[in-house]
Amino acid sequence: MEKDRELFLYMASLIHNGTYNYGIRWKDFYAAFSGISSSDPRAICNDLVNEGYVESSGDNDPFMIISRIGIEASDSTVETLFLGIRKDAASYNLAICYSIEPSLVKSIFSAAYYGSYAVRESPVAKTFVPICTSDEFQKDPRVAKIVKDSISGWNRDLSAITPLIQKRWFSDLLFMLKNGKYGNGGFNYIENMETAERDEFIGGTVSIIDNGLLVTLILGFGKMLSRKDVEKSMDAYSNRTRKKDRVSRVYSYLSIGNDIMVGLEFLIGSFEFLPRANELLGVYLFIAGSSQLLIRPLIEISKRIHIYRINRTKIELE
């Protein structure tokens, strides 16, 4: 019973201190704990309520610790928790992926939770997310050793990944991995994507985290980039990115020019309404300025349509 209490406290501490503990309820935690231990988690949690660590522990109550738990987990507790994570394939793949490339996973999950995406539906997987992405857990030498042993025998066959090459979100991912454009200096490259692009990217990347393909991609990234079809895809992606940048600049200049004209027309028109000025000219200038106020959203709409068409252009690899 004491060992199970230690495991309970260790899991609770990691989740409480974790970043992605959004939307977890006690029933989710109970389900995850019951998959690892035969002890009744509700009985242990009732003791924590009596000891002042937890305010309420009903199934539908939000997971919340009101007093910081300090726990030194034993080797067996750490190993038991990792074995529990391993039982859930998506959580296990997330733990390995986070250990290898934490900045990338943080970028993906931060963008997902920021946009309120349901990246984990099952209670067990949802509960394990803050544990698998906990720096406290991942930096533990005992966990690092388990991860290292897991990676050494990882299947590095890229054949399951190559069909993804023509997907736009996969080109984004390759670009980010190649150039290190994720989460650097607090800037989240994913959050600054267009909404449709971001939705597609998060859905795609979360799916390959779940099935372990992102780990395979990272481990075999050099081999992946050496493929001719990938090289061609990346060149096409770079050309498309440059074209989008040129289009954005042109529309930005048009918008700035339009705003300057609107400002001048209203300013000069206002002077024309002063005594002994040309009031008729002022009216015409106001009409012109008002018309150009309508042009501003049209420029933005045209820009979005133009970029949307560029994004939807299929990358041909033949």
C-alpha atoms as a PDB file:
ATOM      1  CA  MET A   1       0.000   0.000   0.000  1.00  0.00           C
ATOM      2  CA  GLU A   2       2.865   2.390   0.812  1.00  0.00           C
ATOM      3  CA  LYS A   3       4.418   1.778  -2.620  1.00  0.00           C
ATOM      4  CA  ASP A   4       1.091   2.498  -4.314  1.00  0.00           C
ATOM      5  CA  ARG A   5       0.712   5.705  -2.311  1.00  0.00           C
ATOM      6  CA  GLU A   6       4.202   6.749  -3.446  1.00  0.00           C
ATOM      7  CA  LEU A   7       3.266   6.042  -7.079  1.00  0.00           C
ATOM      8  CA  PHE A   8       0.015   7.984  -6.641  1.00  0.00           C
ATOM      9  CA  LEU A   9       1.833  10.999  -5.161  1.00  0.00           C
ATOM     10  CA  TYR A  10       4.554  10.855  -7.827  1.00  0.00           C
ATOM     11  CA  MET A  11       2.024  10.846 -10.671  1.00  0.00           C
ATOM     12  CA  ALA A  12      -0.053  13.583  -9.019  1.00  0.00           C
ATOM     13  CA  SER A  13       3.035  15.748  -8.506  1.00  0.00           C
ATOM     14  CA  LEU A  14       4.160  15.403 -12.134  1.00  0.00           C
ATOM     15  CA  ILE A  15       0.696  16.238 -13.456  1.00  0.00           C
ATOM     16  CA  HIS A  16       0.266  19.147 -11.048  1.00  0.00           C
ATOM     17  CA  ASN A  17       3.606  20.645 -12.089  1.00  0.00           C
ATOM     18  CA  GLY A  18       3.175  19.757 -15.773  1.00  0.00           C
ATOM     19  CA  THR A  19       2.367  22.195 -18.539  1.00  0.00           C
ATOM     20  CA  TYR A  20      -0.396  20.381 -20.451  1.00  0.00           C
ATOM     21  CA  ASN A  21      -2.731  19.357 -17.605  1.00  0.00           C
ATOM     22  CA  TYR A  22      -5.687  21.069 -19.256  1.00  0.00           C
ATOM     23  CA  GLY A  23      -9.141  19.513 -18.721  1.00  0.00           C
ATOM     24  CA  ILE A  24      -8.075  16.572 -16.531  1.00  0.00           C
ATOM     25  CA  ARG A  25     -10.619  15.363 -13.975  1.00  0.00           C
ATOM     26  CA  TRP A  26     -10.076  12.999 -11.073  1.00  0.00           C
ATOM     27  CA  LYS A  27     -11.859  10.183 -12.916  1.00  0.00           C
ATOM     28  CA  ASP A  28      -9.231  10.496 -15.694  1.00  0.00           C
ATOM     29  CA  PHE A  29      -6.461  10.219 -13.129  1.00  0.00           C
ATOM     30  CA  TYR A  30      -8.150   7.260 -11.434  1.00  0.00           C
ATOM     31  CA  ALA A  31      -8.396   5.439 -14.782  1.00  0.00           C
ATOM     32  CA  ALA A  32      -4.681   5.993 -15.510  1.00  0.00           C
ATOM     33  CA  PHE A  33      -3.625   4.926 -12.004  1.00  0.00           C
ATOM     34  CA  SER A  34      -5.826   1.816 -12.045  1.00  0.00           C
ATOM     35  CA  GLY A  35      -4.069   0.661 -15.212  1.00  0.00           C
ATOM     36  CA  ILE A  36      -0.776   0.589 -13.290  1.00  0.00           C
ATOM     37  CA  SER A  37      -1.738  -0.343  -9.724  1.00  0.00           C
ATOM     38  CA  SER A  38      -4.278  -2.703  -8.164  1.00  0.00           C
ATOM     39  CA  SER A  39      -4.884  -0.354  -5.205  1.00  0.00           C
ATOM     40  CA  ASP A  40      -8.026   1.778  -4.995  1.00  0.00           C
ATOM     41  CA  PRO A  41      -6.991   5.318  -6.072  1.00  0.00           C
ATOM     42  CA  ARG A  42     -10.095   6.847  -4.494  1.00  0.00           C
ATOM     43  CA  ALA A  43      -9.114   5.574  -1.056  1.00  0.00           C
ATOM     44  CA  ILE A  44      -5.630   7.054  -1.414  1.00  0.00           C
ATOM     45  CA  CYS A  45      -7.111  10.343  -2.628  1.00  0.00           C
ATOM     46  CA  ASN A  46      -9.503  10.476   0.344  1.00  0.00           C
ATOM     47  CA  ASP A  47      -6.458  10.328   2.633  1.00  0.00           C
ATOM     48  CA  LEU A  48      -4.965  13.279   0.712  1.00  0.00           C
ATOM     49  CA  VAL A  49      -8.191  15.221   1.239  1.00  0.00           C
ATOM     50  CA  ASN A  50      -7.967  14.569   4.991  1.00  0.00           C
ATOM     51  CA  GLU A  51      -4.296  15.622   4.982  1.00  0.00           C
ATOM     52  CA  GLY A  52      -5.102  18.899   3.213  1.00  0.00           C
ATOM     53  CA  TYR A  53      -3.383  18.188  -0.116  1.00  0.00           C
ATOM     54  CA  VAL A  54      -6.640  17.986  -2.076  1.00  0.00           C
ATOM     55  CA  GLU A  55      -9.860  19.932  -1.585  1.00  0.00           C
ATOM     56  CA  SER A  56     -12.272  17.616  -3.433  1.00  0.00           C
ATOM     57  CA  SER A  57     -11.780  14.290  -5.200  1.00  0.00           C
ATOM     58  CA  GLY A  58     -15.121  13.431  -6.810  1.00  0.00           C
ATOM     59  CA  ASP A  59     -14.964  11.732 -10.210  1.00  0.00           C
ATOM     60  CA  ASN A  60     -16.084  14.840 -12.081  1.00  0.00           C
ATOM     61  CA  ASP A  61     -14.106  17.312  -9.990  1.00  0.00           C
ATOM     62  CA  PRO A  62     -11.159  18.939 -11.792  1.00  0.00           C
ATOM     63  CA  PHE A  63      -7.758  17.485 -10.932  1.00  0.00           C
ATOM     64  CA  MET A  64      -6.317  19.985  -8.471  1.00  0.00           C
ATOM     65  CA  ILE A  65      -3.631  19.823  -5.780  1.00  0.00           C
ATOM     66  CA  ILE A  66      -3.858  22.713  -3.300  1.00  0.00           C
ATOM     67  CA  SER A  67      -0.655  21.946  -1.381  1.00  0.00           C
ATOM     68  CA  ARG A  68       2.644  21.211  -3.117  1.00  0.00           C
ATOM     69  CA  ILE A  69       3.671  17.561  -2.928  1.00  0.00           C
ATOM     70  CA  GLY A  70       7.336  16.811  -2.363  1.00  0.00           C
ATOM     71  CA  ILE A  71       8.166  13.239  -3.289  1.00  0.00           C
ATOM     72  CA  GLU A  72      11.410  11.365  -3.844  1.00  0.00           C
ATOM     73  CA  ALA A  73      10.384   8.519  -6.110  1.00  0.00           C
ATOM     74  CA  SER A  74      12.198   5.216  -5.767  1.00  0.00           C
ATOM     75  CA  ASP A  75      13.664   3.342  -8.739  1.00  0.00           C
ATOM     76  CA  SER A  76      10.786   0.858  -8.709  1.00  0.00           C
ATOM     77  CA  THR A  77       8.198   3.673  -8.716  1.00  0.00           C
ATOM     78  CA  VAL A  78       9.806   5.378 -11.717  1.00  0.00           C
ATOM     79  CA  GLU A  79      10.037   2.071 -13.560  1.00  0.00           C
ATOM     80  CA  THR A  80       6.420   1.170 -12.725  1.00  0.00           C
ATOM     81  CA  LEU A  81       5.197   4.517 -14.047  1.00  0.00           C
ATOM     82  CA  PHE A  82       7.146   4.187 -17.289  1.00  0.00           C
ATOM     83  CA  LEU A  83       5.829   0.644 -17.782  1.00  0.00           C
ATOM     84  CA  GLY A  84       2.320   2.069 -17.286  1.00  0.00           C
ATOM     85  CA  ILE A  85       2.991   4.710 -19.916  1.00  0.00           C
ATOM     86  CA  ARG A  86       4.280   2.020 -22.245  1.00  0.00           C
ATOM     87  CA  LYS A  87       0.924   0.221 -22.096  1.00  0.00           C
ATOM     88  CA  ASP A  88      -0.658   3.165 -23.927  1.00  0.00           C
ATOM     89  CA  ALA A  89       1.020   3.367 -27.351  1.00  0.00           C
ATOM     90  CA  ALA A  90       0.257   7.061 -27.967  1.00  0.00           C
ATOM     91  CA  SER A  91       1.620   8.084 -24.550  1.00  0.00           C
ATOM     92  CA  TYR A  92       4.731   5.940 -24.964  1.00  0.00           C
ATOM     93  CA  ASN A  93       5.468   7.444 -28.382  1.00  0.00           C
ATOM     94  CA  LEU A  94       4.935  10.937 -26.955  1.00  0.00           C
ATOM     95  CA  ALA A  95       7.356  10.254 -24.087  1.00  0.00           C
ATOM     96  CA  ILE A  96      10.078   9.037 -26.483  1.00  0.00           C
ATOM     97  CA  CYS A  97       9.471  11.892 -28.928  1.00  0.00           C
ATOM     98  CA  TYR A  98       9.605  14.526 -26.174  1.00  0.00           C
ATOM     99  CA  SER A  99      12.850  13.067 -24.866  1.00  0.00           C
ATOM    100  CA  ILE A 100      14.470  13.351 -28.319  1.00  0.00           C
ATOM    101  CA  GLU A 101      13.086  16.709 -29.489  1.00  0.00           C
ATOM    102  CA  PRO A 102      11.332  18.548 -26.626  1.00  0.00           C
ATOM    103  CA  SER A 103      11.224  21.967 -28.331  1.00  0.00           C
ATOM    104  CA  LEU A 104       9.327  20.575 -31.323  1.00  0.00           C
ATOM    105  CA  VAL A 105       6.780  18.723 -29.178  1.00  0.00           C
ATOM    106  CA  LYS A 106       6.326  21.815 -26.988  1.00  0.00           C
ATOM    107  CA  SER A 107       5.626  23.911 -30.090  1.00  0.00           C
ATOM    108  CA  ILE A 108       3.047  21.439 -31.390  1.00  0.00           C
ATOM    109  CA  PHE A 109       1.256  20.927 -28.076  1.00  0.00           C
ATOM    110  CA  SER A 110       1.409  24.608 -27.067  1.00  0.00           C
ATOM    111  CA  ALA A 111      -0.241  25.565 -30.369  1.00  0.00           C
ATOM    112  CA  ALA A 112      -2.785  22.765 -29.948  1.00  0.00           C
ATOM    113  CA  TYR A 113      -3.783  23.679 -26.386  1.00  0.00           C
ATOM    114  CA  TYR A 114      -3.702  27.390 -27.214  1.00  0.00           C
ATOM    115  CA  GLY A 115      -6.236  26.682 -29.950  1.00  0.00           C
ATOM    116  CA  SER A 116      -8.287  24.363 -27.675  1.00  0.00           C
ATOM    117  CA  TYR A 117      -7.680  21.295 -29.840  1.00  0.00           C
ATOM    118  CA  ALA A 118      -8.623  17.979 -28.241  1.00  0.00           C
ATOM    119  CA  VAL A 119      -5.276  16.261 -28.810  1.00  0.00           C
ATOM    120  CA  ARG A 120      -6.102  13.433 -26.406  1.00  0.00           C
ATOM    121  CA  GLU A 121      -9.587  11.969 -26.022  1.00  0.00           C
ATOM    122  CA  SER A 122      -9.130   8.910 -23.785  1.00  0.00           C
ATOM    123  CA  PRO A 123      -8.835   9.525 -20.006  1.00  0.00           C
ATOM    124  CA  VAL A 124      -5.579   7.550 -19.744  1.00  0.00           C
ATOM    125  CA  ALA A 125      -3.830   9.265 -22.673  1.00  0.00           C
ATOM    126  CA  LYS A 126      -5.033  12.693 -21.521  1.00  0.00           C
ATOM    127  CA  THR A 127      -3.655  12.071 -18.033  1.00  0.00           C
ATOM    128  CA  PHE A 128      -0.265  10.905 -19.300  1.00  0.00           C
ATOM    129  CA  VAL A 129       0.343  13.999 -21.489  1.00  0.00           C
ATOM    130  CA  PRO A 130       1.623  16.275 -18.661  1.00  0.00           C
ATOM    131  CA  ILE A 131       3.718  13.384 -17.296  1.00  0.00           C
ATOM    132  CA  CYS A 132       5.317  12.499 -20.642  1.00  0.00           C
ATOM    133  CA  THR A 133       6.081  16.173 -21.323  1.00  0.00           C
ATOM    134  CA  SER A 134       7.350  16.926 -17.808  1.00  0.00           C
ATOM    135  CA  ASP A 135      10.953  18.131 -17.712  1.00  0.00           C
ATOM    136  CA  GLU A 136      11.150  16.857 -14.139  1.00  0.00           C
ATOM    137  CA  PHE A 137      10.264  13.356 -15.366  1.00  0.00           C
ATOM    138  CA  GLN A 138      12.290  13.472 -18.581  1.00  0.00           C
ATOM    139  CA  LYS A 139      15.471  14.800 -16.936  1.00  0.00           C
ATOM    140  CA  ASP A 140      15.482  12.020 -14.368  1.00  0.00           C
ATOM    141  CA  PRO A 141      18.567   9.869 -15.207  1.00  0.00           C
ATOM    142  CA  ARG A 142      16.530   6.718 -14.624  1.00  0.00           C
ATOM    143  CA  VAL A 143      13.956   7.770 -17.226  1.00  0.00           C
ATOM    144  CA  ALA A 144      16.723   8.868 -19.613  1.00  0.00           C
ATOM    145  CA  LYS A 145      18.242   5.385 -19.426  1.00  0.00           C
ATOM    146  CA  ILE A 146      14.907   3.692 -20.164  1.00  0.00           C
ATOM    147  CA  VAL A 147      14.358   6.033 -23.134  1.00  0.00           C
ATOM    148  CA  LYS A 148      17.878   5.402 -24.438  1.00  0.00           C
ATOM    149  CA  ASP A 149      17.318   1.646 -24.309  1.00  0.00           C
ATOM    150  CA  SER A 150      13.980   2.075 -26.103  1.00  0.00           C
ATOM    151  CA  ILE A 151      15.509   4.165 -28.889  1.00  0.00           C
ATOM    152  CA  SER A 152      18.352   1.730 -29.483  1.00  0.00           C
ATOM    153  CA  GLY A 153      15.891  -0.882 -30.719  1.00  0.00           C
ATOM    154  CA  TRP A 154      13.511   1.520 -32.498  1.00  0.00           C
ATOM    155  CA  ASN A 155      12.329   0.567 -35.988  1.00  0.00           C
ATOM    156  CA  ARG A 156      13.892   3.146 -38.351  1.00  0.00           C
ATOM    157  CA  ASP A 157      12.156   2.017 -41.527  1.00  0.00           C
ATOM    158  CA  LEU A 158      11.025   5.169 -43.394  1.00  0.00           C
ATOM    159  CA  SER A 159       8.685   3.373 -45.819  1.00  0.00           C
ATOM    160  CA  ALA A 160       5.593   4.302 -43.769  1.00  0.00           C
ATOM    161  CA  ILE A 161       6.613   7.971 -43.851  1.00  0.00           C
ATOM    162  CA  THR A 162       7.352   8.465 -47.560  1.00  0.00           C
ATOM    163  CA  PRO A 163       3.632   8.562 -48.608  1.00  0.00           C
ATOM    164  CA  LEU A 164       3.330  11.744 -46.505  1.00  0.00           C
ATOM    165  CA  ILE A 165       5.827  13.689 -48.633  1.00  0.00           C
ATOM    166  CA  GLN A 166       3.159  15.356 -50.790  1.00  0.00           C
ATOM    167  CA  LYS A 167       1.173  16.543 -47.754  1.00  0.00           C
ATOM    168  CA  ARG A 168       1.496  20.275 -47.162  1.00  0.00           C
ATOM    169  CA  TRP A 169       1.727  19.915 -43.373  1.00  0.00           C
ATOM    170  CA  PHE A 170       4.514  17.352 -43.769  1.00  0.00           C
ATOM    171  CA  SER A 171       6.494  19.800 -45.923  1.00  0.00           C
ATOM    172  CA  ASP A 172       6.048  22.348 -43.119  1.00  0.00           C
ATOM    173  CA  LEU A 173       7.360  19.793 -40.629  1.00  0.00           C
ATOM    174  CA  LEU A 174      10.415  18.952 -42.748  1.00  0.00           C
ATOM    175  CA  PHE A 175      11.111  22.664 -43.180  1.00  0.00           C
ATOM    176  CA  MET A 176      10.891  23.224 -39.407  1.00  0.00           C
ATOM    177  CA  LEU A 177      13.146  20.268 -38.624  1.00  0.00           C
ATOM    178  CA  LYS A 178      15.698  21.244 -41.259  1.00  0.00           C
ATOM    179  CA  ASN A 179      15.885  24.877 -40.155  1.00  0.00           C
ATOM    180  CA  GLY A 180      15.149  24.535 -36.434  1.00  0.00           C
ATOM    181  CA  LYS A 181      12.130  26.829 -36.766  1.00  0.00           C
ATOM    182  CA  TYR A 182      10.129  25.811 -33.724  1.00  0.00           C
ATOM    183  CA  GLY A 183       9.751  27.500 -30.386  1.00  0.00           C
ATOM    184  CA  ASN A 184      13.063  29.326 -30.541  1.00  0.00           C
ATOM    185  CA  GLY A 185      13.238  32.401 -28.330  1.00  0.00           C
ATOM    186  CA  GLY A 186       9.587  32.040 -27.318  1.00  0.00           C
ATOM    187  CA  PHE A 187       8.382  32.370 -30.935  1.00  0.00           C
ATOM    188  CA  ASN A 188       5.977  29.604 -31.973  1.00  0.00           C
ATOM    189  CA  TYR A 189       6.178  29.116 -35.742  1.00  0.00           C
ATOM    190  CA  ILE A 190       3.004  26.980 -35.704  1.00  0.00           C
ATOM    191  CA  GLU A 191       0.824  29.553 -33.936  1.00  0.00           C
ATOM    192  CA  ASN A 192       1.660  32.054 -36.677  1.00  0.00           C
ATOM    193  CA  MET A 193       0.370  29.831 -39.488  1.00  0.00           C
ATOM    194  CA  GLU A 194      -2.917  30.592 -41.215  1.00  0.00           C
ATOM    195  CA  THR A 195      -5.818  28.918 -39.349  1.00  0.00           C
ATOM    196  CA  ALA A 196      -6.492  26.234 -41.976  1.00  0.00           C
ATOM    197  CA  GLU A 197      -2.767  25.476 -42.274  1.00  0.00           C
ATOM    198  CA  ARG A 198      -2.394  25.282 -38.501  1.00  0.00           C
ATOM    199  CA  ASP A 199      -5.365  22.926 -38.089  1.00  0.00           C
ATOM    200  CA  GLU A 200      -3.985  20.601 -40.762  1.00  0.00           C
ATOM    201  CA  PHE A 201      -0.475  20.739 -39.304  1.00  0.00           C
ATOM    202  CA  ILE A 202      -1.543  19.994 -35.726  1.00  0.00           C
ATOM    203  CA  GLY A 203      -3.792  17.133 -36.842  1.00  0.00           C
ATOM    204  CA  GLY A 204      -1.032  15.614 -38.978  1.00  0.00           C
ATOM    205  CA  THR A 205       1.825  15.986 -36.503  1.00  0.00           C
ATOM    206  CA  VAL A 206      -0.170  14.753 -33.504  1.00  0.00           C
ATOM    207  CA  SER A 207      -1.162  11.659 -35.513  1.00  0.00           C
ATOM    208  CA  ILE A 208       2.463  10.777 -36.353  1.00  0.00           C
ATOM    209  CA  ILE A 209       3.474  11.380 -32.727  1.00  0.00           C
ATOM    210  CA  ASP A 210       0.773   8.912 -31.671  1.00  0.00           C
ATOM    211  CA  ASN A 211       1.891   6.178 -34.053  1.00  0.00           C
ATOM    212  CA  GLY A 212       5.618   6.663 -33.448  1.00  0.00           C
ATOM    213  CA  LEU A 213       6.432   7.926 -36.948  1.00  0.00           C
ATOM    214  CA  LEU A 214       7.761  11.261 -35.696  1.00  0.00           C
ATOM    215  CA  VAL A 215      10.401   9.445 -33.650  1.00  0.00           C
ATOM    216  CA  THR A 216      11.283   7.385 -36.742  1.00  0.00           C
ATOM    217  CA  LEU A 217      11.495  10.566 -38.831  1.00  0.00           C
ATOM    218  CA  ILE A 218      13.774  12.329 -36.336  1.00  0.00           C
ATOM    219  CA  LEU A 219      16.058   9.318 -35.984  1.00  0.00           C
ATOM    220  CA  GLY A 220      16.292   8.896 -39.754  1.00  0.00           C
ATOM    221  CA  PHE A 221      16.099  12.562 -40.755  1.00  0.00           C
ATOM    222  CA  GLY A 222      19.475  12.662 -42.517  1.00  0.00           C
ATOM    223  CA  LYS A 223      18.534   9.620 -44.568  1.00  0.00           C
ATOM    224  CA  MET A 224      15.151  11.192 -45.311  1.00  0.00           C
ATOM    225  CA  LEU A 225      16.688  14.399 -46.668  1.00  0.00           C
ATOM    226  CA  SER A 226      19.027  12.434 -48.942  1.00  0.00           C
ATOM    227  CA  ARG A 227      16.090  11.058 -50.936  1.00  0.00           C
ATOM    228  CA  LYS A 228      15.613  12.660 -54.365  1.00  0.00           C
ATOM    229  CA  ASP A 229      11.831  12.937 -54.015  1.00  0.00           C
ATOM    230  CA  VAL A 230      12.206  14.657 -50.614  1.00  0.00           C
ATOM    231  CA  GLU A 231      14.831  17.021 -52.020  1.00  0.00           C
ATOM    232  CA  LYS A 232      12.475  17.903 -54.864  1.00  0.00           C
ATOM    233  CA  SER A 233       9.587  18.349 -52.444  1.00  0.00           C
ATOM    234  CA  MET A 234      11.646  20.685 -50.245  1.00  0.00           C
ATOM    235  CA  ASP A 235      12.741  22.733 -53.281  1.00  0.00           C
ATOM    236  CA  ALA A 236       9.129  23.048 -54.407  1.00  0.00           C
ATOM    237  CA  TYR A 237       8.104  23.981 -50.864  1.00  0.00           C
ATOM    238  CA  SER A 238      10.824  26.664 -50.700  1.00  0.00           C
ATOM    239  CA  ASN A 239       9.704  28.076 -54.067  1.00  0.00           C
ATOM    240  CA  ARG A 240       6.120  28.169 -52.884  1.00  0.00           C
ATOM    241  CA  THR A 241       7.164  29.893 -49.638  1.00  0.00           C
ATOM    242  CA  ARG A 242       9.126  32.527 -51.574  1.00  0.00           C
ATOM    243  CA  LYS A 243       6.132  33.078 -53.868  1.00  0.00           C
ATOM    244  CA  LYS A 244       3.860  33.567 -50.849  1.00  0.00           C
ATOM    245  CA  ASP A 245       6.332  36.080 -49.387  1.00  0.00           C
ATOM    246  CA  ARG A 246       6.417  38.050 -52.671  1.00  0.00           C
ATOM    247  CA  VAL A 247       2.627  38.082 -52.910  1.00  0.00           C
ATOM    248  CA  SER A 248       2.324  39.208 -49.269  1.00  0.00           C
ATOM    249  CA  ARG A 249       4.784  42.050 -49.862  1.00  0.00           C
ATOM    250  CA  VAL A 250       2.952  43.260 -52.991  1.00  0.00           C
ATOM    251  CA  TYR A 251      -0.401  43.326 -51.188  1.00  0.00           C
ATOM    252  CA  SER A 252       1.212  45.027 -48.168  1.00  0.00           C
ATOM    253  CA  TYR A 253       2.558  47.801 -50.421  1.00  0.00           C
ATOM    254  CA  LEU A 254      -0.863  48.163 -52.062  1.00  0.00           C
ATOM    255  CA  SER A 255      -2.525  48.408 -48.658  1.00  0.00           C
ATOM    256  CA  ILE A 256      -0.010  50.987 -47.399  1.00  0.00           C
ATOM    257  CA  GLY A 257      -0.383  53.040 -50.586  1.00  0.00           C
ATOM    258  CA  ASN A 258      -4.171  52.906 -50.302  1.00  0.00           C
ATOM    259  CA  ASP A 259      -4.058  54.032 -46.630  1.00  0.00           C
ATOM    260  CA  ILE A 260      -1.755  56.949 -47.495  1.00  0.00           C
ATOM    261  CA  MET A 261      -4.149  58.074 -50.251  1.00  0.00           C
ATOM    262  CA  VAL A 262      -7.136  57.829 -47.900  1.00  0.00           C
ATOM    263  CA  GLY A 263      -5.336  59.925 -45.295  1.00  0.00           C
ATOM    264  CA  LEU A 264      -4.343  62.597 -47.833  1.00  0.00           C
ATOM    265  CA  GLU A 265      -7.833  62.763 -49.361  1.00  0.00           C
ATOM    266  CA  PHE A 266      -9.531  63.245 -46.006  1.00  0.00           C
ATOM    267  CA  LEU A 267      -6.896  65.712 -44.793  1.00  0.00           C
ATOM    268  CA  ILE A 268      -7.028  67.882 -47.950  1.00  0.00           C
ATOM    269  CA  GLY A 269     -10.812  67.498 -48.101  1.00  0.00           C
ATOM    270  CA  SER A 270     -11.107  68.797 -44.537  1.00  0.00           C
ATOM    271  CA  PHE A 271      -9.146  71.943 -45.479  1.00  0.00           C
ATOM    272  CA  GLU A 272     -11.512  72.507 -48.412  1.00  0.00           C
ATOM    273  CA  PHE A 273     -14.407  72.941 -45.975  1.00  0.00           C
ATOM    274  CA  LEU A 274     -12.721  75.922 -44.358  1.00  0.00           C
ATOM    275  CA  PRO A 275     -14.100  79.426 -45.228  1.00  0.00           C
ATOM    276  CA  ARG A 276     -13.273  80.640 -48.774  1.00  0.00           C
ATOM    277  CA  ALA A 277     -12.061  77.153 -49.822  1.00  0.00           C
ATOM    278  CA  ASN A 278     -13.465  74.892 -52.558  1.00  0.00           C
ATOM    279  CA  GLU A 279     -16.219  73.027 -50.728  1.00  0.00           C
ATOM    280  CA  LEU A 280     -17.216  71.026 -53.841  1.00  0.00           C
ATOM    281  CA  LEU A 281     -13.655  69.690 -54.173  1.00  0.00           C
ATOM    282  CA  GLY A 282     -13.787  68.722 -50.509  1.00  0.00           C
ATOM    283  CA  VAL A 283     -16.947  66.699 -51.128  1.00  0.00           C
ATOM    284  CA  TYR A 284     -15.312  64.879 -54.065  1.00  0.00           C
ATOM    285  CA  LEU A 285     -12.229  64.117 -51.962  1.00  0.00           C
ATOM    286  CA  PHE A 286     -14.404  62.733 -49.157  1.00  0.00           C
ATOM    287  CA  ILE A 287     -16.230  60.504 -51.649  1.00  0.00           C
ATOM    288  CA  ALA A 288     -12.897  59.273 -53.025  1.00  0.00           C
ATOM    289  CA  GLY A 289     -11.539  58.629 -49.508  1.00  0.00           C
ATOM    290  CA  SER A 290     -14.698  56.759 -48.470  1.00  0.00           C
ATOM    291  CA  SER A 291     -14.466  54.606 -51.592  1.00  0.00           C
ATOM    292  CA  GLN A 292     -10.883  53.734 -50.799  1.00  0.00           C
ATOM    293  CA  LEU A 293     -11.874  52.681 -47.285  1.00  0.00           C
ATOM    294  CA  LEU A 294     -13.869  49.934 -49.026  1.00  0.00           C
ATOM    295  CA  ILE A 295     -10.833  49.029 -51.114  1.00  0.00           C
ATOM    296  CA  ARG A 296      -8.791  48.164 -47.988  1.00  0.00           C
ATOM    297  CA  PRO A 297     -10.775  44.966 -47.089  1.00  0.00           C
ATOM    298  CA  LEU A 298     -10.895  44.044 -50.790  1.00  0.00           C
ATOM    299  CA  ILE A 299      -7.074  44.110 -50.881  1.00  0.00           C
ATOM    300  CA  GLU A 300      -6.971  41.830 -47.831  1.00  0.00           C
ATOM    301  CA  ILE A 301      -9.546  39.443 -49.323  1.00  0.00           C
ATOM    302  CA  SER A 302      -7.604  39.293 -52.598  1.00  0.00           C
ATOM    303  CA  LYS A 303      -4.407  38.565 -50.694  1.00  0.00           C
ATOM    304  CA  ARG A 304      -6.011  35.712 -48.741  1.00  0.00           C
ATOM    305  CA  ILE A 305      -7.479  34.171 -51.910  1.00  0.00           C
ATOM    306  CA  HIS A 306      -4.152  34.457 -53.726  1.00  0.00           C
ATOM    307  CA  ILE A 307      -2.200  32.828 -50.853  1.00  0.00           C
ATOM    308  CA  TYR A 308      -4.885  30.150 -50.437  1.00  0.00           C
ATOM    309  CA  ARG A 309      -4.477  29.187 -54.106  1.00  0.00           C
ATOM    310  CA  ILE A 310      -0.703  29.044 -53.725  1.00  0.00           C
ATOM    311  CA  ASN A 311      -1.053  26.831 -50.628  1.00  0.00           C
ATOM    312  CA  ARG A 312      -3.389  24.485 -52.468  1.00  0.00           C
ATOM    313  CA  THR A 313      -1.031  24.043 -55.386  1.00  0.00           C
ATOM    314  CA  LYS A 314      -0.013  20.397 -55.405  1.00  0.00           C
ATOM    315  CA  ILE A 315       3.699  19.629 -55.263  1.00  0.00           C
ATOM    316  CA  GLU A 316       4.480  17.337 -58.173  1.00  0.00           C
ATOM    317  CA  LEU A 317       7.382  14.971 -57.603  1.00  0.00           C
ATOM    318  CA  GLU A 318       7.494  13.169 -60.939  1.00  0.00           C
END
